[in-house]
Amino acid sequence: MKIKLKKGDKVIVRSGKYRGQTGKVTATHPSENKVTVEGINVVKKHVKPNREHPQGAILELTKPIWVSKVSVVEPTSKKPTRIGYKLDAAGKKTRIYKRTGKEIK
């Protein structure tokens, strides 16, 4: 699957438990068709005692969510939009917001 989102894009969650929340993409996982968004889908993992955590620990991890559940936020209108591509005069492919047609920086 082709993921049009990139690391650093600001996205909004469109469905599920975290609907309406926004965050930055910290990682993309194209083989799984998922993205990791900071502050979204945070889970607690119980770790047995080991060298790193002699007493054991409860770690908070950010798990990936499906890319279909998020969409990029257009900065001027603060509304979700899709991503398209456009070729400039030199033939270079650039990403654009479908809602406004502006180039993604």
PDB file of N, CA and C in Angstrom:
ATOM      1  N   MET A   1       0.833  -1.188   0.000  1.00  0.00           N
ATOM      2  CA  MET A   1       0.000   0.000   0.000  1.00  0.00           C
ATOM      3  C   MET A   1       0.874   1.247   0.000  1.00  0.00           C
ATOM      4  N   LYS A   2       0.462   2.267  -0.730  1.00  0.00           N
ATOM      5  CA  LYS A   2       1.163   3.540  -0.765  1.00  0.00           C
ATOM      6  C   LYS A   2       0.573   4.445   0.297  1.00  0.00           C
ATOM      7  N   ILE A   3       1.420   4.933   1.200  1.00  0.00           N
ATOM      8  CA  ILE A   3       0.980   5.874   2.220  1.00  0.00           C
ATOM      9  C   ILE A   3       1.416   7.268   1.802  1.00  0.00           C
ATOM     10  N   LYS A   4       0.452   8.180   1.681  1.00  0.00           N
ATOM     11  CA  LYS A   4       0.757   9.535   1.234  1.00  0.00           C
ATOM     12  C   LYS A   4       1.221  10.426   2.382  1.00  0.00           C
ATOM     13  N   LEU A   5       1.027   9.978   3.619  1.00  0.00           N
ATOM     14  CA  LEU A   5       1.473  10.746   4.773  1.00  0.00           C
ATOM     15  C   LEU A   5       2.971  10.565   4.976  1.00  0.00           C
ATOM     16  N   LYS A   6       3.597  11.594   5.547  1.00  0.00           N
ATOM     17  CA  LYS A   6       5.020  11.529   5.848  1.00  0.00           C
ATOM     18  C   LYS A   6       5.251  11.889   7.301  1.00  0.00           C
ATOM     19  N   LYS A   7       6.416  11.548   7.801  1.00  0.00           N
ATOM     20  CA  LYS A   7       6.795  11.875   9.167  1.00  0.00           C
ATOM     21  C   LYS A   7       6.766  13.399   9.329  1.00  0.00           C
ATOM     22  N   GLY A   8       6.116  13.866  10.397  1.00  0.00           N
ATOM     23  CA  GLY A   8       6.025  15.302  10.648  1.00  0.00           C
ATOM     24  C   GLY A   8       4.713  15.933  10.225  1.00  0.00           C
ATOM     25  N   ASP A   9       3.890  15.233   9.439  1.00  0.00           N
ATOM     26  CA  ASP A   9       2.584  15.766   9.028  1.00  0.00           C
ATOM     27  C   ASP A   9       1.662  15.852  10.232  1.00  0.00           C
ATOM     28  N   LYS A  10       0.863  16.920  10.297  1.00  0.00           N
ATOM     29  CA  LYS A  10      -0.134  17.047  11.358  1.00  0.00           C
ATOM     30  C   LYS A  10      -1.424  16.407  10.865  1.00  0.00           C
ATOM     31  N   VAL A  11      -1.933  15.455  11.647  1.00  0.00           N
ATOM     32  CA  VAL A  11      -3.126  14.707  11.234  1.00  0.00           C
ATOM     33  C   VAL A  11      -4.204  14.779  12.308  1.00  0.00           C
ATOM     34  N   ILE A  12      -5.436  14.492  11.890  1.00  0.00           N
ATOM     35  CA  ILE A  12      -6.576  14.401  12.798  1.00  0.00           C
ATOM     36  C   ILE A  12      -7.150  12.994  12.668  1.00  0.00           C
ATOM     37  N   VAL A  13      -7.583  12.434  13.795  1.00  0.00           N
ATOM     38  CA  VAL A  13      -8.178  11.098  13.789  1.00  0.00           C
ATOM     39  C   VAL A  13      -9.650  11.240  13.414  1.00  0.00           C
ATOM     40  N   ARG A  14     -10.087  10.486  12.399  1.00  0.00           N
ATOM     41  CA  ARG A  14     -11.439  10.610  11.863  1.00  0.00           C
ATOM     42  C   ARG A  14     -12.433   9.653  12.498  1.00  0.00           C
ATOM     43  N   SER A  15     -11.960   8.535  13.070  1.00  0.00           N
ATOM     44  CA  SER A  15     -12.898   7.568  13.648  1.00  0.00           C
ATOM     45  C   SER A  15     -12.230   6.808  14.772  1.00  0.00           C
ATOM     46  N   GLY A  16     -13.053   6.205  15.607  1.00  0.00           N
ATOM     47  CA  GLY A  16     -12.550   5.374  16.691  1.00  0.00           C
ATOM     48  C   GLY A  16     -12.503   6.100  18.022  1.00  0.00           C
ATOM     49  N   LYS A  17     -11.803   5.508  18.954  1.00  0.00           N
ATOM     50  CA  LYS A  17     -11.715   5.991  20.329  1.00  0.00           C
ATOM     51  C   LYS A  17     -11.116   7.400  20.418  1.00  0.00           C
ATOM     52  N   TYR A  18     -10.193   7.725  19.534  1.00  0.00           N
ATOM     53  CA  TYR A  18      -9.484   9.001  19.585  1.00  0.00           C
ATOM     54  C   TYR A  18     -10.006  10.006  18.568  1.00  0.00           C
ATOM     55  N   ARG A  19     -11.248   9.840  18.114  1.00  0.00           N
ATOM     56  CA  ARG A  19     -11.840  10.706  17.100  1.00  0.00           C
ATOM     57  C   ARG A  19     -11.766  12.180  17.499  1.00  0.00           C
ATOM     58  N   GLY A  20     -11.312  13.008  16.555  1.00  0.00           N
ATOM     59  CA  GLY A  20     -11.234  14.450  16.775  1.00  0.00           C
ATOM     60  C   GLY A  20      -9.904  14.923  17.326  1.00  0.00           C
ATOM     61  N   GLN A  21      -9.063  14.023  17.796  1.00  0.00           N
ATOM     62  CA  GLN A  21      -7.772  14.420  18.351  1.00  0.00           C
ATOM     63  C   GLN A  21      -6.746  14.577  17.239  1.00  0.00           C
ATOM     64  N   THR A  22      -5.812  15.509  17.447  1.00  0.00           N
ATOM     65  CA  THR A  22      -4.783  15.760  16.448  1.00  0.00           C
ATOM     66  C   THR A  22      -3.410  15.445  17.014  1.00  0.00           C
ATOM     67  N   GLY A  23      -2.476  15.216  16.124  1.00  0.00           N
ATOM     68  CA  GLY A  23      -1.103  14.940  16.528  1.00  0.00           C
ATOM     69  C   GLY A  23      -0.203  14.869  15.314  1.00  0.00           C
ATOM     70  N   LYS A  24       1.093  14.757  15.562  1.00  0.00           N
ATOM     71  CA  LYS A  24       2.083  14.654  14.495  1.00  0.00           C
ATOM     72  C   LYS A  24       2.402  13.204  14.200  1.00  0.00           C
ATOM     73  N   VAL A  25       2.623  12.895  12.942  1.00  0.00           N
ATOM     74  CA  VAL A  25       3.033  11.551  12.544  1.00  0.00           C
ATOM     75  C   VAL A  25       4.496  11.381  12.948  1.00  0.00           C
ATOM     76  N   THR A  26       4.770  10.358  13.769  1.00  0.00           N
ATOM     77  CA  THR A  26       6.143  10.102  14.198  1.00  0.00           C
ATOM     78  C   THR A  26       6.795   9.000  13.390  1.00  0.00           C
ATOM     79  N   ALA A  27       5.984   8.132  12.782  1.00  0.00           N
ATOM     80  CA  ALA A  27       6.527   7.048  11.954  1.00  0.00           C
ATOM     81  C   ALA A  27       5.439   6.526  11.031  1.00  0.00           C
ATOM     82  N   THR A  28       5.862   6.035   9.867  1.00  0.00           N
ATOM     83  CA  THR A  28       4.931   5.380   8.957  1.00  0.00           C
ATOM     84  C   THR A  28       5.357   3.924   8.808  1.00  0.00           C
ATOM     85  N   HIS A  29       4.378   3.053   8.638  1.00  0.00           N
ATOM     86  CA  HIS A  29       4.617   1.620   8.499  1.00  0.00           C
ATOM     87  C   HIS A  29       3.895   1.145   7.237  1.00  0.00           C
ATOM     88  N   PRO A  30       4.489   1.358   6.046  1.00  0.00           N
ATOM     89  CA  PRO A  30       3.792   1.028   4.797  1.00  0.00           C
ATOM     90  C   PRO A  30       3.432  -0.449   4.645  1.00  0.00           C
ATOM     91  N   SER A  31       4.258  -1.338   5.163  1.00  0.00           N
ATOM     92  CA  SER A  31       3.958  -2.767   5.013  1.00  0.00           C
ATOM     93  C   SER A  31       2.726  -3.169   5.815  1.00  0.00           C
ATOM     94  N   GLU A  32       2.471  -2.464   6.925  1.00  0.00           N
ATOM     95  CA  GLU A  32       1.296  -2.742   7.761  1.00  0.00           C
ATOM     96  C   GLU A  32       0.130  -1.829   7.435  1.00  0.00           C
ATOM     97  N   ASN A  33       0.350  -0.812   6.585  1.00  0.00           N
ATOM     98  CA  ASN A  33      -0.643   0.210   6.254  1.00  0.00           C
ATOM     99  C   ASN A  33      -1.080   0.984   7.501  1.00  0.00           C
ATOM    100  N   LYS A  34      -0.111   1.307   8.358  1.00  0.00           N
ATOM    101  CA  LYS A  34      -0.382   2.021   9.606  1.00  0.00           C
ATOM    102  C   LYS A  34       0.581   3.191   9.784  1.00  0.00           C
ATOM    103  N   VAL A  35       0.177   4.137  10.648  1.00  0.00           N
ATOM    104  CA  VAL A  35       1.041   5.259  11.031  1.00  0.00           C
ATOM    105  C   VAL A  35       1.034   5.383  12.546  1.00  0.00           C
ATOM    106  N   THR A  36       2.122   5.891  13.097  1.00  0.00           N
ATOM    107  CA  THR A  36       2.206   6.159  14.521  1.00  0.00           C
ATOM    108  C   THR A  36       2.051   7.663  14.715  1.00  0.00           C
ATOM    109  N   VAL A  37       1.088   8.060  15.554  1.00  0.00           N
ATOM    110  CA  VAL A  37       0.810   9.468  15.810  1.00  0.00           C
ATOM    111  C   VAL A  37       1.062   9.736  17.289  1.00  0.00           C
ATOM    112  N   GLU A  38       1.823  10.812  17.585  1.00  0.00           N
ATOM    113  CA  GLU A  38       2.162  11.076  18.978  1.00  0.00           C
ATOM    114  C   GLU A  38       0.923  11.431  19.794  1.00  0.00           C
ATOM    115  N   GLY A  39       0.797  10.797  20.948  1.00  0.00           N
ATOM    116  CA  GLY A  39      -0.319  11.042  21.852  1.00  0.00           C
ATOM    117  C   GLY A  39      -1.593  10.284  21.509  1.00  0.00           C
ATOM    118  N   ILE A  40      -1.585   9.523  20.435  1.00  0.00           N
ATOM    119  CA  ILE A  40      -2.760   8.766  20.008  1.00  0.00           C
ATOM    120  C   ILE A  40      -2.461   7.275  20.161  1.00  0.00           C
ATOM    121  N   ASN A  41      -3.424   6.512  20.682  1.00  0.00           N
ATOM    122  CA  ASN A  41      -3.315   5.066  20.868  1.00  0.00           C
ATOM    123  C   ASN A  41      -2.162   4.708  21.813  1.00  0.00           C
ATOM    124  N   VAL A  42      -2.120   5.403  22.948  1.00  0.00           N
ATOM    125  CA  VAL A  42      -1.106   5.132  23.968  1.00  0.00           C
ATOM    126  C   VAL A  42      -1.587   3.978  24.835  1.00  0.00           C
ATOM    127  N   VAL A  43      -0.748   2.951  24.964  1.00  0.00           N
ATOM    128  CA  VAL A  43      -1.098   1.779  25.759  1.00  0.00           C
ATOM    129  C   VAL A  43      -0.070   1.584  26.866  1.00  0.00           C
ATOM    130  N   LYS A  44      -0.485   0.885  27.925  1.00  0.00           N
ATOM    131  CA  LYS A  44       0.423   0.578  29.026  1.00  0.00           C
ATOM    132  C   LYS A  44       0.883  -0.859  28.894  1.00  0.00           C
ATOM    133  N   LYS A  45       2.188  -1.057  29.000  1.00  0.00           N
ATOM    134  CA  LYS A  45       2.763  -2.394  28.896  1.00  0.00           C
ATOM    135  C   LYS A  45       3.476  -2.716  30.204  1.00  0.00           C
ATOM    136  N   HIS A  46       3.118  -3.843  30.801  1.00  0.00           N
ATOM    137  CA  HIS A  46       3.737  -4.285  32.039  1.00  0.00           C
ATOM    138  C   HIS A  46       4.988  -5.084  31.700  1.00  0.00           C
ATOM    139  N   VAL A  47       6.112  -4.680  32.305  1.00  0.00           N
ATOM    140  CA  VAL A  47       7.398  -5.310  32.010  1.00  0.00           C
ATOM    141  C   VAL A  47       7.899  -6.028  33.253  1.00  0.00           C
ATOM    142  N   LYS A  48       8.326  -7.263  33.078  1.00  0.00           N
ATOM    143  CA  LYS A  48       8.901  -8.024  34.187  1.00  0.00           C
ATOM    144  C   LYS A  48      10.244  -7.418  34.586  1.00  0.00           C
ATOM    145  N   PRO A  49      10.694  -7.685  35.797  1.00  0.00           N
ATOM    146  CA  PRO A  49      12.014  -7.169  36.207  1.00  0.00           C
ATOM    147  C   PRO A  49      13.117  -7.664  35.269  1.00  0.00           C
ATOM    148  N   ASN A  50      13.973  -6.746  34.877  1.00  0.00           N
ATOM    149  CA  ASN A  50      15.133  -7.068  34.047  1.00  0.00           C
ATOM    150  C   ASN A  50      16.262  -6.101  34.403  1.00  0.00           C
ATOM    151  N   ARG A  51      17.349  -6.123  33.682  1.00  0.00           N
ATOM    152  CA  ARG A  51      18.482  -5.249  34.005  1.00  0.00           C
ATOM    153  C   ARG A  51      18.130  -3.779  33.881  1.00  0.00           C
ATOM    154  N   GLU A  52      17.341  -3.469  32.874  1.00  0.00           N
ATOM    155  CA  GLU A  52      16.966  -2.074  32.657  1.00  0.00           C
ATOM    156  C   GLU A  52      15.985  -1.581  33.716  1.00  0.00           C
ATOM    157  N   HIS A  53      15.041  -2.444  34.115  1.00  0.00           N
ATOM    158  CA  HIS A  53      14.029  -2.122  35.132  1.00  0.00           C
ATOM    159  C   HIS A  53      14.087  -3.186  36.221  1.00  0.00           C
ATOM    160  N   PRO A  54      14.959  -3.031  37.226  1.00  0.00           N
ATOM    161  CA  PRO A  54      15.123  -4.076  38.246  1.00  0.00           C
ATOM    162  C   PRO A  54      13.848  -4.378  39.043  1.00  0.00           C
ATOM    163  N   GLN A  55      12.981  -3.383  39.220  1.00  0.00           N
ATOM    164  CA  GLN A  55      11.740  -3.583  39.973  1.00  0.00           C
ATOM    165  C   GLN A  55      10.579  -3.998  39.070  1.00  0.00           C
ATOM    166  N   GLY A  56      10.820  -3.980  37.745  1.00  0.00           N
ATOM    167  CA  GLY A  56       9.716  -4.136  36.810  1.00  0.00           C
ATOM    168  C   GLY A  56       9.154  -2.756  36.538  1.00  0.00           C
ATOM    169  N   ALA A  57       8.273  -2.610  35.578  1.00  0.00           N
ATOM    170  CA  ALA A  57       7.754  -1.281  35.251  1.00  0.00           C
ATOM    171  C   ALA A  57       6.461  -1.386  34.461  1.00  0.00           C
ATOM    172  N   ILE A  58       5.784  -0.255  34.397  1.00  0.00           N
ATOM    173  CA  ILE A  58       4.626  -0.101  33.527  1.00  0.00           C
ATOM    174  C   ILE A  58       5.001   1.005  32.540  1.00  0.00           C
ATOM    175  N   LEU A  59       5.259   0.619  31.295  1.00  0.00           N
ATOM    176  CA  LEU A  59       5.683   1.557  30.269  1.00  0.00           C
ATOM    177  C   LEU A  59       4.497   2.027  29.453  1.00  0.00           C
ATOM    178  N   GLU A  60       4.533   3.282  29.008  1.00  0.00           N
ATOM    179  CA  GLU A  60       3.504   3.800  28.108  1.00  0.00           C
ATOM    180  C   GLU A  60       4.075   3.831  26.703  1.00  0.00           C
ATOM    181  N   LEU A  61       3.469   3.072  25.802  1.00  0.00           N
ATOM    182  CA  LEU A  61       3.920   2.977  24.420  1.00  0.00           C
ATOM    183  C   LEU A  61       2.869   3.547  23.477  1.00  0.00           C
ATOM    184  N   THR A  62       3.329   4.190  22.411  1.00  0.00           N
ATOM    185  CA  THR A  62       2.422   4.671  21.380  1.00  0.00           C
ATOM    186  C   THR A  62       2.381   3.642  20.270  1.00  0.00           C
ATOM    187  N   LYS A  63       1.220   3.041  20.058  1.00  0.00           N
ATOM    188  CA  LYS A  63       1.052   1.990  19.050  1.00  0.00           C
ATOM    189  C   LYS A  63       0.546   2.601  17.736  1.00  0.00           C
ATOM    190  N   PRO A  64       0.845   1.961  16.600  1.00  0.00           N
ATOM    191  CA  PRO A  64       0.360   2.456  15.306  1.00  0.00           C
ATOM    192  C   PRO A  64      -1.155   2.294  15.152  1.00  0.00           C
ATOM    193  N   ILE A  65      -1.760   3.173  14.349  1.00  0.00           N
ATOM    194  CA  ILE A  65      -3.182   3.041  14.010  1.00  0.00           C
ATOM    195  C   ILE A  65      -3.300   2.983  12.490  1.00  0.00           C
ATOM    196  N   TRP A  66      -4.432   2.497  12.013  1.00  0.00           N
ATOM    197  CA  TRP A  66      -4.658   2.372  10.577  1.00  0.00           C
ATOM    198  C   TRP A  66      -4.616   3.738   9.909  1.00  0.00           C
ATOM    199  N   VAL A  67      -3.995   3.801   8.738  1.00  0.00           N
ATOM    200  CA  VAL A  67      -3.867   5.057   8.008  1.00  0.00           C
ATOM    201  C   VAL A  67      -5.232   5.565   7.521  1.00  0.00           C
ATOM    202  N   SER A  68      -6.192   4.656   7.354  1.00  0.00           N
ATOM    203  CA  SER A  68      -7.527   5.060   6.905  1.00  0.00           C
ATOM    204  C   SER A  68      -8.287   5.836   7.976  1.00  0.00           C
ATOM    205  N   LYS A  69      -7.861   5.751   9.214  1.00  0.00           N
ATOM    206  CA  LYS A  69      -8.543   6.448  10.309  1.00  0.00           C
ATOM    207  C   LYS A  69      -8.061   7.880  10.489  1.00  0.00           C
ATOM    208  N   VAL A  70      -6.996   8.278   9.791  1.00  0.00           N
ATOM    209  CA  VAL A  70      -6.464   9.630   9.950  1.00  0.00           C
ATOM    210  C   VAL A  70      -6.445  10.360   8.618  1.00  0.00           C
ATOM    211  N   SER A  71      -6.492  11.686   8.693  1.00  0.00           N
ATOM    212  CA  SER A  71      -6.284  12.492   7.487  1.00  0.00           C
ATOM    213  C   SER A  71      -5.528  13.752   7.877  1.00  0.00           C
ATOM    214  N   VAL A  72      -4.798  14.280   6.931  1.00  0.00           N
ATOM    215  CA  VAL A  72      -3.932  15.421   7.171  1.00  0.00           C
ATOM    216  C   VAL A  72      -4.787  16.670   7.406  1.00  0.00           C
ATOM    217  N   VAL A  73      -4.298  17.585   8.259  1.00  0.00           N
ATOM    218  CA  VAL A  73      -5.021  18.815   8.583  1.00  0.00           C
ATOM    219  C   VAL A  73      -4.464  19.941   7.724  1.00  0.00           C
ATOM    220  N   GLU A  74      -5.367  20.650   7.016  1.00  0.00           N
ATOM    221  CA  GLU A  74      -4.966  21.798   6.207  1.00  0.00           C
ATOM    222  C   GLU A  74      -4.772  22.972   7.157  1.00  0.00           C
ATOM    223  N   PRO A  75      -3.575  23.605   7.201  1.00  0.00           N
ATOM    224  CA  PRO A  75      -3.259  24.568   8.261  1.00  0.00           C
ATOM    225  C   PRO A  75      -4.094  25.853   8.273  1.00  0.00           C
ATOM    226  N   THR A  76      -4.522  26.358   7.121  1.00  0.00           N
ATOM    227  CA  THR A  76      -5.254  27.620   7.136  1.00  0.00           C
ATOM    228  C   THR A  76      -6.692  27.450   7.618  1.00  0.00           C
ATOM    229  N   SER A  77      -7.379  26.389   7.170  1.00  0.00           N
ATOM    230  CA  SER A  77      -8.774  26.187   7.568  1.00  0.00           C
ATOM    231  C   SER A  77      -8.912  25.268   8.771  1.00  0.00           C
ATOM    232  N   LYS A  78      -7.831  24.577   9.171  1.00  0.00           N
ATOM    233  CA  LYS A  78      -7.824  23.636  10.301  1.00  0.00           C
ATOM    234  C   LYS A  78      -8.812  22.490  10.094  1.00  0.00           C
ATOM    235  N   LYS A  79      -9.091  22.148   8.824  1.00  0.00           N
ATOM    236  CA  LYS A  79     -10.020  21.073   8.506  1.00  0.00           C
ATOM    237  C   LYS A  79      -9.268  19.920   7.856  1.00  0.00           C
ATOM    238  N   PRO A  80      -9.793  18.691   8.008  1.00  0.00           N
ATOM    239  CA  PRO A  80      -9.133  17.545   7.377  1.00  0.00           C
ATOM    240  C   PRO A  80      -9.281  17.584   5.864  1.00  0.00           C
ATOM    241  N   THR A  81      -8.271  17.098   5.193  1.00  0.00           N
ATOM    242  CA  THR A  81      -8.294  17.051   3.739  1.00  0.00           C
ATOM    243  C   THR A  81      -7.510  15.842   3.256  1.00  0.00           C
ATOM    244  N   ARG A  82      -7.642  15.556   1.980  1.00  0.00           N
ATOM    245  CA  ARG A  82      -6.875  14.471   1.381  1.00  0.00           C
ATOM    246  C   ARG A  82      -5.617  15.042   0.740  1.00  0.00           C
ATOM    247  N   ILE A  83      -4.720  14.163   0.356  1.00  0.00           N
ATOM    248  CA  ILE A  83      -3.468  14.577  -0.264  1.00  0.00           C
ATOM    249  C   ILE A  83      -3.480  14.151  -1.719  1.00  0.00           C
ATOM    250  N   GLY A  84      -3.070  15.076  -2.589  1.00  0.00           N
ATOM    251  CA  GLY A  84      -2.934  14.772  -4.010  1.00  0.00           C
ATOM    252  C   GLY A  84      -1.527  15.103  -4.456  1.00  0.00           C
ATOM    253  N   TYR A  85      -1.252  14.850  -5.719  1.00  0.00           N
ATOM    254  CA  TYR A  85       0.061  15.140  -6.282  1.00  0.00           C
ATOM    255  C   TYR A  85      -0.095  16.024  -7.503  1.00  0.00           C
ATOM    256  N   LYS A  86       0.923  16.862  -7.736  1.00  0.00           N
ATOM    257  CA  LYS A  86       0.919  17.753  -8.879  1.00  0.00           C
ATOM    258  C   LYS A  86       2.331  17.843  -9.419  1.00  0.00           C
ATOM    259  N   LEU A  87       2.454  17.918 -10.722  1.00  0.00           N
ATOM    260  CA  LEU A  87       3.764  18.093 -11.339  1.00  0.00           C
ATOM    261  C   LEU A  87       3.985  19.572 -11.608  1.00  0.00           C
ATOM    262  N   ASP A  88       5.142  20.092 -11.185  1.00  0.00           N
ATOM    263  CA  ASP A  88       5.448  21.493 -11.479  1.00  0.00           C
ATOM    264  C   ASP A  88       6.087  21.597 -12.864  1.00  0.00           C
ATOM    265  N   ALA A  89       6.510  22.807 -13.245  1.00  0.00           N
ATOM    266  CA  ALA A  89       7.059  23.047 -14.576  1.00  0.00           C
ATOM    267  C   ALA A  89       8.310  22.211 -14.856  1.00  0.00           C
ATOM    268  N   ALA A  90       9.103  21.982 -13.823  1.00  0.00           N
ATOM    269  CA  ALA A  90      10.336  21.202 -13.989  1.00  0.00           C
ATOM    270  C   ALA A  90      10.065  19.698 -14.032  1.00  0.00           C
ATOM    271  N   GLY A  91       8.837  19.306 -13.779  1.00  0.00           N
ATOM    272  CA  GLY A  91       8.487  17.890 -13.790  1.00  0.00           C
ATOM    273  C   GLY A  91       8.657  17.229 -12.442  1.00  0.00           C
ATOM    274  N   LYS A  92       8.851  18.040 -11.386  1.00  0.00           N
ATOM    275  CA  LYS A  92       9.008  17.494 -10.036  1.00  0.00           C
ATOM    276  C   LYS A  92       7.629  17.279  -9.415  1.00  0.00           C
ATOM    277  N   LYS A  93       7.442  16.136  -8.766  1.00  0.00           N
ATOM    278  CA  LYS A  93       6.163  15.770  -8.156  1.00  0.00           C
ATOM    279  C   LYS A  93       6.091  16.379  -6.755  1.00  0.00           C
ATOM    280  N   THR A  94       5.019  17.134  -6.469  1.00  0.00           N
ATOM    281  CA  THR A  94       4.836  17.735  -5.156  1.00  0.00           C
ATOM    282  C   THR A  94       3.488  17.325  -4.590  1.00  0.00           C
ATOM    283  N   ARG A  95       3.414  17.279  -3.261  1.00  0.00           N
ATOM    284  CA  ARG A  95       2.151  16.949  -2.604  1.00  0.00           C
ATOM    285  C   ARG A  95       1.327  18.220  -2.440  1.00  0.00           C
ATOM    286  N   ILE A  96       0.001  18.117  -2.624  1.00  0.00           N
ATOM    287  CA  ILE A  96      -0.900  19.250  -2.448  1.00  0.00           C
ATOM    288  C   ILE A  96      -2.088  18.832  -1.589  1.00  0.00           C
ATOM    289  N   TYR A  97      -2.732  19.847  -0.967  1.00  0.00           N
ATOM    290  CA  TYR A  97      -3.983  19.617  -0.252  1.00  0.00           C
ATOM    291  C   TYR A  97      -5.106  19.608  -1.277  1.00  0.00           C
ATOM    292  N   LYS A  98      -5.949  18.574  -1.271  1.00  0.00           N
ATOM    293  CA  LYS A  98      -7.052  18.480  -2.232  1.00  0.00           C
ATOM    294  C   LYS A  98      -8.100  19.566  -1.974  1.00  0.00           C
ATOM    295  N   ARG A  99      -8.297  19.963  -0.707  1.00  0.00           N
ATOM    296  CA  ARG A  99      -9.331  20.934  -0.346  1.00  0.00           C
ATOM    297  C   ARG A  99      -9.039  22.313  -0.939  1.00  0.00           C
ATOM    298  N   THR A 100      -7.767  22.746  -0.867  1.00  0.00           N
ATOM    299  CA  THR A 100      -7.421  24.101  -1.309  1.00  0.00           C
ATOM    300  C   THR A 100      -6.515  24.126  -2.541  1.00  0.00           C
ATOM    301  N   GLY A 101      -5.807  23.053  -2.807  1.00  0.00           N
ATOM    302  CA  GLY A 101      -4.886  23.033  -3.926  1.00  0.00           C
ATOM    303  C   GLY A 101      -3.519  23.594  -3.605  1.00  0.00           C
ATOM    304  N   LYS A 102      -3.314  23.994  -2.343  1.00  0.00           N
ATOM    305  CA  LYS A 102      -2.025  24.551  -1.936  1.00  0.00           C
ATOM    306  C   LYS A 102      -1.000  23.439  -1.757  1.00  0.00           C
ATOM    307  N   GLU A 103       0.264  23.810  -1.944  1.00  0.00           N
ATOM    308  CA  GLU A 103       1.349  22.852  -1.821  1.00  0.00           C
ATOM    309  C   GLU A 103       1.655  22.570  -0.347  1.00  0.00           C
ATOM    310  N   ILE A 104       1.965  21.324  -0.031  1.00  0.00           N
ATOM    311  CA  ILE A 104       2.332  20.927   1.332  1.00  0.00           C
ATOM    312  C   ILE A 104       3.808  21.198   1.496  1.00  0.00           C
ATOM    313  N   LYS A 105       4.158  21.928   2.546  1.00  0.00           N
ATOM    314  CA  LYS A 105       5.557  22.268   2.781  1.00  0.00           C
ATOM    315  C   LYS A 105       6.257  21.234   3.587  1.00  0.00           C
TER     316      LYS A 105
END
